[in-house]
């Protein structure tokens, strides 16, 4: 996207992705502390969410 002049769009996407991952991390941490989720699942949830977000973005950009 940056090669086509979409620097602002890439910046906004990066900031919003970071915010979403931060929120997933906070929510998963609270669920893990309260016992609503197993601790292992709560620990891996932000990484899994980040991987799914990155894969979705990659597939969208490559396939159109």
C-alpha atoms as a PDB file:
ATOM      1  CA  UNK A   1       0.000   0.000   0.000  1.00  0.00           C
ATOM      2  CA  UNK A   2       2.809   2.462   0.720  1.00  0.00           C
ATOM      3  CA  UNK A   3       4.108   2.175  -2.852  1.00  0.00           C
ATOM      4  CA  UNK A   4       0.795   3.435  -4.173  1.00  0.00           C
ATOM      5  CA  UNK A   5       0.815   6.496  -1.935  1.00  0.00           C
ATOM      6  CA  UNK A   6      -1.329   5.059   0.866  1.00  0.00           C
ATOM      7  CA  UNK A   7       1.025   5.985   3.691  1.00  0.00           C
ATOM      8  CA  UNK A   8      -1.773   7.482   5.780  1.00  0.00           C
ATOM      9  CA  UNK A   9      -3.929   4.429   5.282  1.00  0.00           C
ATOM     10  CA  UNK A  10      -1.061   2.124   6.248  1.00  0.00           C
ATOM     11  CA  UNK A  11      -0.368   4.207   9.350  1.00  0.00           C
ATOM     12  CA  UNK A  12      -4.023   4.164  10.387  1.00  0.00           C
ATOM     13  CA  UNK A  13      -4.178   0.415   9.811  1.00  0.00           C
ATOM     14  CA  UNK A  14      -1.089  -0.150  11.929  1.00  0.00           C
ATOM     15  CA  UNK A  15      -2.372   1.973  14.790  1.00  0.00           C
ATOM     16  CA  UNK A  16      -5.799   0.342  14.734  1.00  0.00           C
ATOM     17  CA  UNK A  17      -4.276  -3.150  14.542  1.00  0.00           C
ATOM     18  CA  UNK A  18      -2.073  -2.353  17.513  1.00  0.00           C
ATOM     19  CA  UNK A  19      -5.063  -1.090  19.470  1.00  0.00           C
ATOM     20  CA  UNK A  20      -7.076  -4.226  18.678  1.00  0.00           C
ATOM     21  CA  UNK A  21      -4.205  -6.475  19.756  1.00  0.00           C
ATOM     22  CA  UNK A  22      -3.752  -4.452  22.943  1.00  0.00           C
ATOM     23  CA  UNK A  23      -7.440  -4.818  23.773  1.00  0.00           C
ATOM     24  CA  UNK A  24      -7.398  -8.567  23.048  1.00  0.00           C
ATOM     25  CA  UNK A  25      -4.382  -8.881  25.330  1.00  0.00           C
ATOM     26  CA  UNK A  26      -6.068  -6.972  28.149  1.00  0.00           C
ATOM     27  CA  UNK A  27      -9.363  -8.857  27.880  1.00  0.00           C
ATOM     28  CA  UNK A  28      -7.668 -12.251  27.641  1.00  0.00           C
ATOM     29  CA  UNK A  29      -5.492 -11.388  30.636  1.00  0.00           C
ATOM     30  CA  UNK A  30      -8.513 -10.471  32.724  1.00  0.00           C
ATOM     31  CA  UNK A  31     -10.336 -13.640  31.685  1.00  0.00           C
ATOM     32  CA  UNK A  32      -7.262 -15.656  32.613  1.00  0.00           C
ATOM     33  CA  UNK A  33      -6.941 -13.981  36.013  1.00  0.00           C
ATOM     34  CA  UNK A  34     -10.607 -14.508  36.818  1.00  0.00           C
ATOM     35  CA  UNK A  35     -10.517 -18.159  35.812  1.00  0.00           C
ATOM     36  CA  UNK A  36     -13.056 -17.781  33.007  1.00  0.00           C
ATOM     37  CA  UNK A  37     -10.390 -18.968  30.542  1.00  0.00           C
ATOM     38  CA  UNK A  38      -7.571 -21.401  31.152  1.00  0.00           C
ATOM     39  CA  UNK A  39      -4.326 -19.504  31.707  1.00  0.00           C
ATOM     40  CA  UNK A  40      -2.622 -21.107  28.704  1.00  0.00           C
ATOM     41  CA  UNK A  41      -5.434 -20.101  26.379  1.00  0.00           C
ATOM     42  CA  UNK A  42      -5.463 -16.574  27.782  1.00  0.00           C
ATOM     43  CA  UNK A  43      -1.713 -16.313  27.239  1.00  0.00           C
ATOM     44  CA  UNK A  44      -1.857 -17.502  23.623  1.00  0.00           C
ATOM     45  CA  UNK A  45      -5.014 -15.585  22.617  1.00  0.00           C
ATOM     46  CA  UNK A  46      -3.245 -12.307  21.660  1.00  0.00           C
ATOM     47  CA  UNK A  47      -0.641 -14.149  19.582  1.00  0.00           C
ATOM     48  CA  UNK A  48      -3.332 -16.165  17.813  1.00  0.00           C
ATOM     49  CA  UNK A  49      -5.378 -13.021  17.156  1.00  0.00           C
ATOM     50  CA  UNK A  50      -2.314 -11.280  15.726  1.00  0.00           C
ATOM     51  CA  UNK A  51      -1.520 -14.216  13.473  1.00  0.00           C
ATOM     52  CA  UNK A  52      -5.101 -14.370  12.188  1.00  0.00           C
ATOM     53  CA  UNK A  53      -5.133 -10.616  11.575  1.00  0.00           C
ATOM     54  CA  UNK A  54      -1.826 -10.771   9.699  1.00  0.00           C
ATOM     55  CA  UNK A  55      -2.950 -13.763   7.628  1.00  0.00           C
ATOM     56  CA  UNK A  56      -6.231 -12.070   6.724  1.00  0.00           C
ATOM     57  CA  UNK A  57      -4.395  -8.912   5.675  1.00  0.00           C
ATOM     58  CA  UNK A  58      -1.863 -10.885   3.651  1.00  0.00           C
ATOM     59  CA  UNK A  59      -4.547 -12.860   1.840  1.00  0.00           C
ATOM     60  CA  UNK A  60      -6.558  -9.714   1.168  1.00  0.00           C
ATOM     61  CA  UNK A  61      -3.593  -7.819  -0.261  1.00  0.00           C
ATOM     62  CA  UNK A  62      -2.293 -10.705  -2.359  1.00  0.00           C
ATOM     63  CA  UNK A  63      -5.589 -11.914  -3.824  1.00  0.00           C
ATOM     64  CA  UNK A  64      -7.312  -8.570  -4.072  1.00  0.00           C
END
